[in-house]
Amino acid sequence: MATRRRRKTPRAGSLTVVGTGLLLGGHLTLESERAIRDAELVLHVTNGPLIERWLTRLNRSATSLVDLYQPGRPRYVTYGLMVDRICAEVEAGKRVCAVYYGHPGVLAQAPHAAIRRLRRAGYDARMLPGIAADACLFADLGVNPGDRGCATFEATDFLAYARRIDPTSELVLWQVGLLGEGSTRPGMTSRQDRVRVLVQRLRQWYPATHRVAVYLAATLPWDTFSVRWVTLGSLAKVRLKPMMTLYVPPLASRRPNRRVLAWLSA
């Protein structure tokens, strides 16, 4: 006679990771807001005093982890410290909500690592989605990624690992202002020599006259998004900030597979 395996009872303590979206107060989902309000402890990595005050109004326990970023400290070390702090609070039996800017699973390593560690140890850990820069870009620039397809890469990864693309599809490069940066520092902007190498890489597929967009989503209700269209050949002259995204529109021509089109139409 078969015996049922008893379901393990989750340990005391839990983690919910949420994203605020990009626009202060406008992108937070009802589900994520409820998770913040219900938490015993809120730990957050956000971008400025306004959002910190807003989170404190939702939950008085809100505590920033931004101080873990230090000039010269490698980002992977900072992420490890974040994971240790989050997991320690959950292991102490608390219902923790970790709040990240934008989407908590996009360009954020610590949330994924914390969830994996806690699940392996038997704790409840989950992630709720948020609105990231690509969703804002699609809306603000009128881009439909379903028309031509869309490839997205973190800019340093794209350059360092010789990624290949289809230039007849949309291309989005995240964090182009952090190209090659292993840590953070005040007032950081892109280094022109690195951007020139990125341009050389993109010139394998696009002409120097191809127009590209340097995009920055709005983060405050009274602001609008920022977009600057430049030629690819002049991109290195633009001061790129860490949160900026590079959008490369597709080339006009693409080759149809006429046999497949005929088969589909039949």
C-alpha atoms as a PDB file:
ATOM      1  CA  MET A   1       0.000   0.000   0.000  1.00  0.00           C
ATOM      2  CA  ALA A   2       1.411   3.334  -1.058  1.00  0.00           C
ATOM      3  CA  THR A   3       2.069   5.856   1.672  1.00  0.00           C
ATOM      4  CA  ARG A   4       1.669   9.557   1.257  1.00  0.00           C
ATOM      5  CA  ARG A   5       4.664  11.727   1.799  1.00  0.00           C
ATOM      6  CA  ARG A   6       3.977  14.301   4.460  1.00  0.00           C
ATOM      7  CA  ARG A   7       4.253  17.850   3.189  1.00  0.00           C
ATOM      8  CA  LYS A   8       6.922  19.765   5.041  1.00  0.00           C
ATOM      9  CA  THR A   9       5.655  22.625   7.163  1.00  0.00           C
ATOM     10  CA  PRO A  10       7.365  25.880   6.121  1.00  0.00           C
ATOM     11  CA  ARG A  11       9.622  27.375   8.722  1.00  0.00           C
ATOM     12  CA  ALA A  12       8.661  30.495  10.620  1.00  0.00           C
ATOM     13  CA  GLY A  13       9.786  33.553   8.737  1.00  0.00           C
ATOM     14  CA  SER A  14       9.110  34.358   5.087  1.00  0.00           C
ATOM     15  CA  LEU A  15      10.244  36.603   2.267  1.00  0.00           C
ATOM     16  CA  THR A  16       8.246  38.513  -0.318  1.00  0.00           C
ATOM     17  CA  VAL A  17      10.262  40.487  -2.870  1.00  0.00           C
ATOM     18  CA  VAL A  18       8.401  43.285  -4.642  1.00  0.00           C
ATOM     19  CA  GLY A  19       9.161  46.044  -7.122  1.00  0.00           C
ATOM     20  CA  THR A  20       8.054  49.668  -6.849  1.00  0.00           C
ATOM     21  CA  GLY A  21       8.138  50.161 -10.603  1.00  0.00           C
ATOM     22  CA  LEU A  22       9.860  53.269 -11.920  1.00  0.00           C
ATOM     23  CA  LEU A  23       7.261  55.970 -11.258  1.00  0.00           C
ATOM     24  CA  LEU A  24       6.961  56.960  -7.586  1.00  0.00           C
ATOM     25  CA  GLY A  25       3.573  55.867  -6.261  1.00  0.00           C
ATOM     26  CA  GLY A  26       2.185  55.174  -9.720  1.00  0.00           C
ATOM     27  CA  HIS A  27       3.593  51.768 -10.614  1.00  0.00           C
ATOM     28  CA  LEU A  28       3.148  49.850  -7.370  1.00  0.00           C
ATOM     29  CA  THR A  29       0.590  47.045  -7.742  1.00  0.00           C
ATOM     30  CA  LEU A  30      -2.089  46.471  -5.123  1.00  0.00           C
ATOM     31  CA  GLU A  31      -0.591  43.052  -4.383  1.00  0.00           C
ATOM     32  CA  SER A  32       2.849  44.528  -3.759  1.00  0.00           C
ATOM     33  CA  GLU A  33       1.451  47.353  -1.630  1.00  0.00           C
ATOM     34  CA  ARG A  34      -0.349  44.805   0.525  1.00  0.00           C
ATOM     35  CA  ALA A  35       2.877  42.842   0.961  1.00  0.00           C
ATOM     36  CA  ILE A  36       4.690  45.979   2.128  1.00  0.00           C
ATOM     37  CA  ARG A  37       1.967  46.927   4.594  1.00  0.00           C
ATOM     38  CA  ASP A  38       1.693  43.411   6.053  1.00  0.00           C
ATOM     39  CA  ALA A  39       5.426  42.823   6.552  1.00  0.00           C
ATOM     40  CA  GLU A  40       7.069  42.818   9.964  1.00  0.00           C
ATOM     41  CA  LEU A  41      10.198  44.284   8.398  1.00  0.00           C
ATOM     42  CA  VAL A  42      10.684  46.110   5.100  1.00  0.00           C
ATOM     43  CA  LEU A  43      14.193  46.236   3.623  1.00  0.00           C
ATOM     44  CA  HIS A  44      14.537  48.317   0.480  1.00  0.00           C
ATOM     45  CA  VAL A  45      16.940  49.276  -2.285  1.00  0.00           C
ATOM     46  CA  THR A  46      15.408  52.367  -3.856  1.00  0.00           C
ATOM     47  CA  ASN A  47      16.548  55.584  -5.453  1.00  0.00           C
ATOM     48  CA  GLY A  48      16.071  58.649  -3.311  1.00  0.00           C
ATOM     49  CA  PRO A  49      14.606  60.237  -0.178  1.00  0.00           C
ATOM     50  CA  LEU A  50      11.127  60.745  -1.638  1.00  0.00           C
ATOM     51  CA  ILE A  51      10.530  57.054  -2.192  1.00  0.00           C
ATOM     52  CA  GLU A  52      12.083  56.257   1.200  1.00  0.00           C
ATOM     53  CA  ARG A  53       9.574  58.558   2.935  1.00  0.00           C
ATOM     54  CA  TRP A  54       6.752  57.054   0.884  1.00  0.00           C
ATOM     55  CA  LEU A  55       7.736  53.523   1.933  1.00  0.00           C
ATOM     56  CA  THR A  56       7.956  54.605   5.574  1.00  0.00           C
ATOM     57  CA  ARG A  57       4.368  55.830   5.371  1.00  0.00           C
ATOM     58  CA  LEU A  58       3.343  52.385   4.121  1.00  0.00           C
ATOM     59  CA  ASN A  59       5.325  50.574   6.808  1.00  0.00           C
ATOM     60  CA  ARG A  60       7.223  52.263   9.643  1.00  0.00           C
ATOM     61  CA  SER A  61       9.806  49.461   9.724  1.00  0.00           C
ATOM     62  CA  ALA A  62      11.166  50.419   6.283  1.00  0.00           C
ATOM     63  CA  THR A  63      14.975  50.291   6.339  1.00  0.00           C
ATOM     64  CA  SER A  64      17.293  51.115   3.444  1.00  0.00           C
ATOM     65  CA  LEU A  65      20.062  48.817   2.242  1.00  0.00           C
ATOM     66  CA  VAL A  66      21.510  51.418  -0.111  1.00  0.00           C
ATOM     67  CA  ASP A  67      24.350  52.130   2.318  1.00  0.00           C
ATOM     68  CA  LEU A  68      25.781  48.734   1.387  1.00  0.00           C
ATOM     69  CA  TYR A  69      26.879  50.322  -1.892  1.00  0.00           C
ATOM     70  CA  GLN A  70      30.285  51.857  -1.288  1.00  0.00           C
ATOM     71  CA  PRO A  71      32.656  53.568  -3.745  1.00  0.00           C
ATOM     72  CA  GLY A  72      35.199  51.019  -4.872  1.00  0.00           C
ATOM     73  CA  ARG A  73      33.315  48.053  -3.414  1.00  0.00           C
ATOM     74  CA  PRO A  74      32.581  45.501  -6.169  1.00  0.00           C
ATOM     75  CA  ARG A  75      28.877  45.234  -6.828  1.00  0.00           C
ATOM     76  CA  TYR A  76      28.916  41.454  -6.411  1.00  0.00           C
ATOM     77  CA  VAL A  77      30.184  41.967  -2.848  1.00  0.00           C
ATOM     78  CA  THR A  78      27.364  44.445  -2.187  1.00  0.00           C
ATOM     79  CA  TYR A  79      24.815  41.979  -3.516  1.00  0.00           C
ATOM     80  CA  GLY A  80      26.185  39.267  -1.247  1.00  0.00           C
ATOM     81  CA  LEU A  81      25.841  41.533   1.780  1.00  0.00           C
ATOM     82  CA  MET A  82      22.234  42.276   0.804  1.00  0.00           C
ATOM     83  CA  VAL A  83      21.435  38.583   0.555  1.00  0.00           C
ATOM     84  CA  ASP A  84      23.027  37.912   3.949  1.00  0.00           C
ATOM     85  CA  ARG A  85      21.030  40.705   5.599  1.00  0.00           C
ATOM     86  CA  ILE A  86      17.699  39.679   4.060  1.00  0.00           C
ATOM     87  CA  CYS A  87      18.160  35.996   4.857  1.00  0.00           C
ATOM     88  CA  ALA A  88      19.298  36.669   8.425  1.00  0.00           C
ATOM     89  CA  GLU A  89      16.077  38.550   9.171  1.00  0.00           C
ATOM     90  CA  VAL A  90      13.935  35.772   7.691  1.00  0.00           C
ATOM     91  CA  GLU A  91      15.893  33.130   9.602  1.00  0.00           C
ATOM     92  CA  ALA A  92      15.177  35.129  12.764  1.00  0.00           C
ATOM     93  CA  GLY A  93      11.496  34.354  12.163  1.00  0.00           C
ATOM     94  CA  LYS A  94      10.330  37.640  10.611  1.00  0.00           C
ATOM     95  CA  ARG A  95       7.946  38.205   7.715  1.00  0.00           C
ATOM     96  CA  VAL A  96      10.236  40.257   5.506  1.00  0.00           C
ATOM     97  CA  CYS A  97       9.375  42.294   2.435  1.00  0.00           C
ATOM     98  CA  ALA A  98      12.356  43.261   0.285  1.00  0.00           C
ATOM     99  CA  VAL A  99      11.538  46.210  -1.958  1.00  0.00           C
ATOM    100  CA  TYR A 100      13.523  46.957  -5.100  1.00  0.00           C
ATOM    101  CA  TYR A 101      13.350  49.745  -7.630  1.00  0.00           C
ATOM    102  CA  GLY A 102      11.619  48.812 -10.907  1.00  0.00           C
ATOM    103  CA  HIS A 103      11.096  45.073 -11.362  1.00  0.00           C
ATOM    104  CA  PRO A 104      12.768  43.144  -8.520  1.00  0.00           C
ATOM    105  CA  GLY A 105      13.885  40.362 -10.843  1.00  0.00           C
ATOM    106  CA  VAL A 106      15.297  42.502 -13.663  1.00  0.00           C
ATOM    107  CA  LEU A 107      18.959  43.557 -13.405  1.00  0.00           C
ATOM    108  CA  ALA A 108      18.874  42.667  -9.716  1.00  0.00           C
ATOM    109  CA  GLN A 109      20.862  39.640  -8.589  1.00  0.00           C
ATOM    110  CA  ALA A 110      20.329  39.765  -4.819  1.00  0.00           C
ATOM    111  CA  PRO A 111      16.548  39.082  -4.854  1.00  0.00           C
ATOM    112  CA  HIS A 112      16.964  35.898  -6.899  1.00  0.00           C
ATOM    113  CA  ALA A 113      19.855  34.734  -4.749  1.00  0.00           C
ATOM    114  CA  ALA A 114      17.961  35.366  -1.494  1.00  0.00           C
ATOM    115  CA  ILE A 115      14.904  33.491  -2.717  1.00  0.00           C
ATOM    116  CA  ARG A 116      16.986  30.491  -3.823  1.00  0.00           C
ATOM    117  CA  ARG A 117      18.846  30.328  -0.504  1.00  0.00           C
ATOM    118  CA  LEU A 118      15.701  30.584   1.606  1.00  0.00           C
ATOM    119  CA  ARG A 119      13.735  28.046  -0.422  1.00  0.00           C
ATOM    120  CA  ARG A 120      16.576  25.538  -0.094  1.00  0.00           C
ATOM    121  CA  ALA A 121      16.427  26.068   3.671  1.00  0.00           C
ATOM    122  CA  GLY A 122      12.675  25.441   3.780  1.00  0.00           C
ATOM    123  CA  TYR A 123      11.340  28.985   4.038  1.00  0.00           C
ATOM    124  CA  ASP A 124       8.505  30.499   2.030  1.00  0.00           C
ATOM    125  CA  ALA A 125       9.983  32.960  -0.459  1.00  0.00           C
ATOM    126  CA  ARG A 126       8.331  34.540  -3.484  1.00  0.00           C
ATOM    127  CA  MET A 127       8.685  37.422  -5.922  1.00  0.00           C
ATOM    128  CA  LEU A 128       5.984  39.767  -7.213  1.00  0.00           C
ATOM    129  CA  PRO A 129       6.497  41.557 -10.548  1.00  0.00           C
ATOM    130  CA  GLY A 130       7.067  45.258 -11.072  1.00  0.00           C
ATOM    131  CA  ILE A 131       7.385  47.650 -14.002  1.00  0.00           C
ATOM    132  CA  ALA A 132      10.892  47.882 -15.449  1.00  0.00           C
ATOM    133  CA  ALA A 133      12.504  50.268 -17.938  1.00  0.00           C
ATOM    134  CA  ASP A 134      11.649  48.167 -20.994  1.00  0.00           C
ATOM    135  CA  ALA A 135       7.908  48.379 -20.290  1.00  0.00           C
ATOM    136  CA  CYS A 136       8.189  52.166 -19.923  1.00  0.00           C
ATOM    137  CA  LEU A 137      10.270  52.421 -23.093  1.00  0.00           C
ATOM    138  CA  PHE A 138       7.740  50.447 -25.131  1.00  0.00           C
ATOM    139  CA  ALA A 139       4.977  52.805 -23.978  1.00  0.00           C
ATOM    140  CA  ASP A 140       6.876  56.104 -24.230  1.00  0.00           C
ATOM    141  CA  LEU A 141       8.558  55.480 -27.589  1.00  0.00           C
ATOM    142  CA  GLY A 142       5.632  53.648 -29.185  1.00  0.00           C
ATOM    143  CA  VAL A 143       7.560  50.408 -29.678  1.00  0.00           C
ATOM    144  CA  ASN A 144       5.693  47.145 -30.214  1.00  0.00           C
ATOM    145  CA  PRO A 145       8.207  44.321 -29.622  1.00  0.00           C
ATOM    146  CA  GLY A 146       5.829  41.869 -31.272  1.00  0.00           C
ATOM    147  CA  ASP A 147       6.164  43.560 -34.673  1.00  0.00           C
ATOM    148  CA  ARG A 148       9.813  42.721 -35.327  1.00  0.00           C
ATOM    149  CA  GLY A 149      10.906  40.887 -32.210  1.00  0.00           C
ATOM    150  CA  CYS A 150      13.096  42.384 -29.519  1.00  0.00           C
ATOM    151  CA  ALA A 151      16.451  41.426 -28.006  1.00  0.00           C
ATOM    152  CA  THR A 152      17.559  42.864 -24.663  1.00  0.00           C
ATOM    153  CA  PHE A 153      20.993  42.667 -23.063  1.00  0.00           C
ATOM    154  CA  GLU A 154      22.798  44.291 -20.181  1.00  0.00           C
ATOM    155  CA  ALA A 155      25.265  46.547 -21.996  1.00  0.00           C
ATOM    156  CA  THR A 156      28.469  45.207 -20.427  1.00  0.00           C
ATOM    157  CA  ASP A 157      27.358  41.615 -20.987  1.00  0.00           C
ATOM    158  CA  PHE A 158      26.541  42.427 -24.620  1.00  0.00           C
ATOM    159  CA  LEU A 159      30.013  43.814 -25.211  1.00  0.00           C
ATOM    160  CA  ALA A 160      32.102  41.434 -23.098  1.00  0.00           C
ATOM    161  CA  TYR A 161      30.595  38.195 -24.404  1.00  0.00           C
ATOM    162  CA  ALA A 162      30.365  39.056 -28.105  1.00  0.00           C
ATOM    163  CA  ARG A 163      26.603  38.615 -28.290  1.00  0.00           C
ATOM    164  CA  ARG A 164      25.047  38.190 -31.715  1.00  0.00           C
ATOM    165  CA  ILE A 165      21.853  39.933 -32.799  1.00  0.00           C
ATOM    166  CA  ASP A 166      19.364  40.192 -35.641  1.00  0.00           C
ATOM    167  CA  PRO A 167      19.530  43.858 -36.741  1.00  0.00           C
ATOM    168  CA  THR A 168      16.037  43.649 -38.261  1.00  0.00           C
ATOM    169  CA  SER A 169      14.652  43.319 -34.702  1.00  0.00           C
ATOM    170  CA  GLU A 170      14.512  45.885 -31.906  1.00  0.00           C
ATOM    171  CA  LEU A 171      17.580  46.020 -29.640  1.00  0.00           C
ATOM    172  CA  VAL A 172      17.549  47.290 -26.050  1.00  0.00           C
ATOM    173  CA  LEU A 173      20.774  47.647 -24.046  1.00  0.00           C
ATOM    174  CA  TRP A 174      20.296  48.158 -20.319  1.00  0.00           C
ATOM    175  CA  GLN A 175      22.569  50.213 -18.043  1.00  0.00           C
ATOM    176  CA  VAL A 176      24.601  51.609 -20.906  1.00  0.00           C
ATOM    177  CA  GLY A 177      25.981  54.287 -18.577  1.00  0.00           C
ATOM    178  CA  LEU A 178      27.505  51.557 -16.377  1.00  0.00           C
ATOM    179  CA  LEU A 179      29.458  49.999 -19.218  1.00  0.00           C
ATOM    180  CA  GLY A 180      32.371  48.076 -17.720  1.00  0.00           C
ATOM    181  CA  GLU A 181      31.855  49.426 -14.198  1.00  0.00           C
ATOM    182  CA  GLY A 182      32.363  46.961 -11.369  1.00  0.00           C
ATOM    183  CA  SER A 183      31.338  49.319  -8.555  1.00  0.00           C
ATOM    184  CA  THR A 184      29.623  52.664  -8.030  1.00  0.00           C
ATOM    185  CA  ARG A 185      30.788  56.199  -7.336  1.00  0.00           C
ATOM    186  CA  PRO A 186      29.055  59.587  -6.954  1.00  0.00           C
ATOM    187  CA  GLY A 187      28.224  61.383 -10.194  1.00  0.00           C
ATOM    188  CA  MET A 188      29.060  58.383 -12.334  1.00  0.00           C
ATOM    189  CA  THR A 189      28.762  58.792 -16.113  1.00  0.00           C
ATOM    190  CA  SER A 190      29.968  56.654 -18.981  1.00  0.00           C
ATOM    191  CA  ARG A 191      33.570  56.578 -20.173  1.00  0.00           C
ATOM    192  CA  GLN A 192      33.852  57.679 -23.782  1.00  0.00           C
ATOM    193  CA  ASP A 193      36.530  55.113 -24.636  1.00  0.00           C
ATOM    194  CA  ARG A 194      34.218  52.283 -23.580  1.00  0.00           C
ATOM    195  CA  VAL A 195      31.248  53.700 -25.446  1.00  0.00           C
ATOM    196  CA  ARG A 196      33.406  53.992 -28.578  1.00  0.00           C
ATOM    197  CA  VAL A 197      34.153  50.254 -28.323  1.00  0.00           C
ATOM    198  CA  LEU A 198      30.420  49.581 -27.990  1.00  0.00           C
ATOM    199  CA  VAL A 199      29.793  51.695 -31.093  1.00  0.00           C
ATOM    200  CA  GLN A 200      32.426  49.731 -33.004  1.00  0.00           C
ATOM    201  CA  ARG A 201      30.666  46.531 -31.997  1.00  0.00           C
ATOM    202  CA  LEU A 202      27.275  47.808 -33.145  1.00  0.00           C
ATOM    203  CA  ARG A 203      28.799  49.002 -36.423  1.00  0.00           C
ATOM    204  CA  GLN A 204      29.056  45.333 -37.412  1.00  0.00           C
ATOM    205  CA  TRP A 205      25.315  45.492 -38.082  1.00  0.00           C
ATOM    206  CA  TYR A 206      24.318  49.166 -38.313  1.00  0.00           C
ATOM    207  CA  PRO A 207      25.672  52.137 -40.292  1.00  0.00           C
ATOM    208  CA  ALA A 208      27.142  55.110 -38.433  1.00  0.00           C
ATOM    209  CA  THR A 209      24.155  57.188 -39.581  1.00  0.00           C
ATOM    210  CA  HIS A 210      21.629  54.842 -37.936  1.00  0.00           C
ATOM    211  CA  ARG A 211      19.610  56.808 -35.370  1.00  0.00           C
ATOM    212  CA  VAL A 212      19.459  55.408 -31.841  1.00  0.00           C
ATOM    213  CA  ALA A 213      17.708  56.638 -28.701  1.00  0.00           C
ATOM    214  CA  VAL A 214      19.185  57.288 -25.271  1.00  0.00           C
ATOM    215  CA  TYR A 215      16.188  56.847 -22.983  1.00  0.00           C
ATOM    216  CA  LEU A 216      15.457  57.580 -19.331  1.00  0.00           C
ATOM    217  CA  ALA A 217      12.054  56.786 -17.837  1.00  0.00           C
ATOM    218  CA  ALA A 218      10.195  59.258 -15.629  1.00  0.00           C
ATOM    219  CA  THR A 219      10.491  58.502 -11.915  1.00  0.00           C
ATOM    220  CA  LEU A 220       8.423  61.328 -10.382  1.00  0.00           C
ATOM    221  CA  PRO A 221       4.756  62.092 -11.123  1.00  0.00           C
ATOM    222  CA  TRP A 222       5.534  65.650 -12.261  1.00  0.00           C
ATOM    223  CA  ASP A 223       8.346  64.594 -14.605  1.00  0.00           C
ATOM    224  CA  THR A 224       8.262  63.266 -18.148  1.00  0.00           C
ATOM    225  CA  PHE A 225      10.507  60.683 -19.736  1.00  0.00           C
ATOM    226  CA  SER A 226      13.701  61.795 -21.449  1.00  0.00           C
ATOM    227  CA  VAL A 227      14.770  60.652 -24.913  1.00  0.00           C
ATOM    228  CA  ARG A 228      17.632  61.888 -27.059  1.00  0.00           C
ATOM    229  CA  TRP A 229      17.962  60.668 -30.620  1.00  0.00           C
ATOM    230  CA  VAL A 230      21.498  60.644 -31.998  1.00  0.00           C
ATOM    231  CA  THR A 231      23.352  58.872 -34.760  1.00  0.00           C
ATOM    232  CA  LEU A 232      25.215  55.761 -33.751  1.00  0.00           C
ATOM    233  CA  GLY A 233      28.458  57.383 -34.849  1.00  0.00           C
ATOM    234  CA  SER A 234      28.015  60.264 -32.365  1.00  0.00           C
ATOM    235  CA  LEU A 235      26.878  58.182 -29.378  1.00  0.00           C
ATOM    236  CA  ALA A 236      30.256  58.399 -27.617  1.00  0.00           C
ATOM    237  CA  LYS A 237      29.818  62.189 -27.307  1.00  0.00           C
ATOM    238  CA  VAL A 238      26.715  61.770 -25.116  1.00  0.00           C
ATOM    239  CA  ARG A 239      27.129  61.700 -21.324  1.00  0.00           C
ATOM    240  CA  LEU A 240      25.366  58.510 -20.349  1.00  0.00           C
ATOM    241  CA  LYS A 241      24.056  58.129 -16.796  1.00  0.00           C
ATOM    242  CA  PRO A 242      23.803  54.726 -15.067  1.00  0.00           C
ATOM    243  CA  MET A 243      20.020  54.386 -15.348  1.00  0.00           C
ATOM    244  CA  MET A 244      19.892  55.208 -19.071  1.00  0.00           C
ATOM    245  CA  THR A 245      18.803  52.641 -21.650  1.00  0.00           C
ATOM    246  CA  LEU A 246      19.943  52.495 -25.271  1.00  0.00           C
ATOM    247  CA  TYR A 247      17.279  51.680 -27.839  1.00  0.00           C
ATOM    248  CA  VAL A 248      18.378  50.681 -31.340  1.00  0.00           C
ATOM    249  CA  PRO A 249      15.534  50.558 -33.888  1.00  0.00           C
ATOM    250  CA  PRO A 250      15.526  47.748 -36.451  1.00  0.00           C
ATOM    251  CA  LEU A 251      16.860  48.054 -39.953  1.00  0.00           C
ATOM    252  CA  ALA A 252      14.113  48.326 -42.528  1.00  0.00           C
ATOM    253  CA  SER A 253      14.748  45.218 -44.620  1.00  0.00           C
ATOM    254  CA  ARG A 254      14.107  41.641 -43.532  1.00  0.00           C
ATOM    255  CA  ARG A 255      14.009  38.492 -45.641  1.00  0.00           C
ATOM    256  CA  PRO A 256      10.781  36.504 -45.613  1.00  0.00           C
ATOM    257  CA  ASN A 257      10.746  32.721 -45.787  1.00  0.00           C
ATOM    258  CA  ARG A 258       8.336  32.450 -48.706  1.00  0.00           C
ATOM    259  CA  ARG A 259       7.860  28.679 -48.377  1.00  0.00           C
ATOM    260  CA  VAL A 260       6.756  29.048 -44.760  1.00  0.00           C
ATOM    261  CA  LEU A 261       4.526  32.024 -45.592  1.00  0.00           C
ATOM    262  CA  ALA A 262       2.855  30.044 -48.370  1.00  0.00           C
ATOM    263  CA  TRP A 263       2.376  27.066 -46.068  1.00  0.00           C
ATOM    264  CA  LEU A 264       0.860  29.245 -43.338  1.00  0.00           C
ATOM    265  CA  SER A 265      -1.492  31.001 -45.754  1.00  0.00           C
ATOM    266  CA  ALA A 266      -2.669  27.637 -47.113  1.00  0.00           C
END
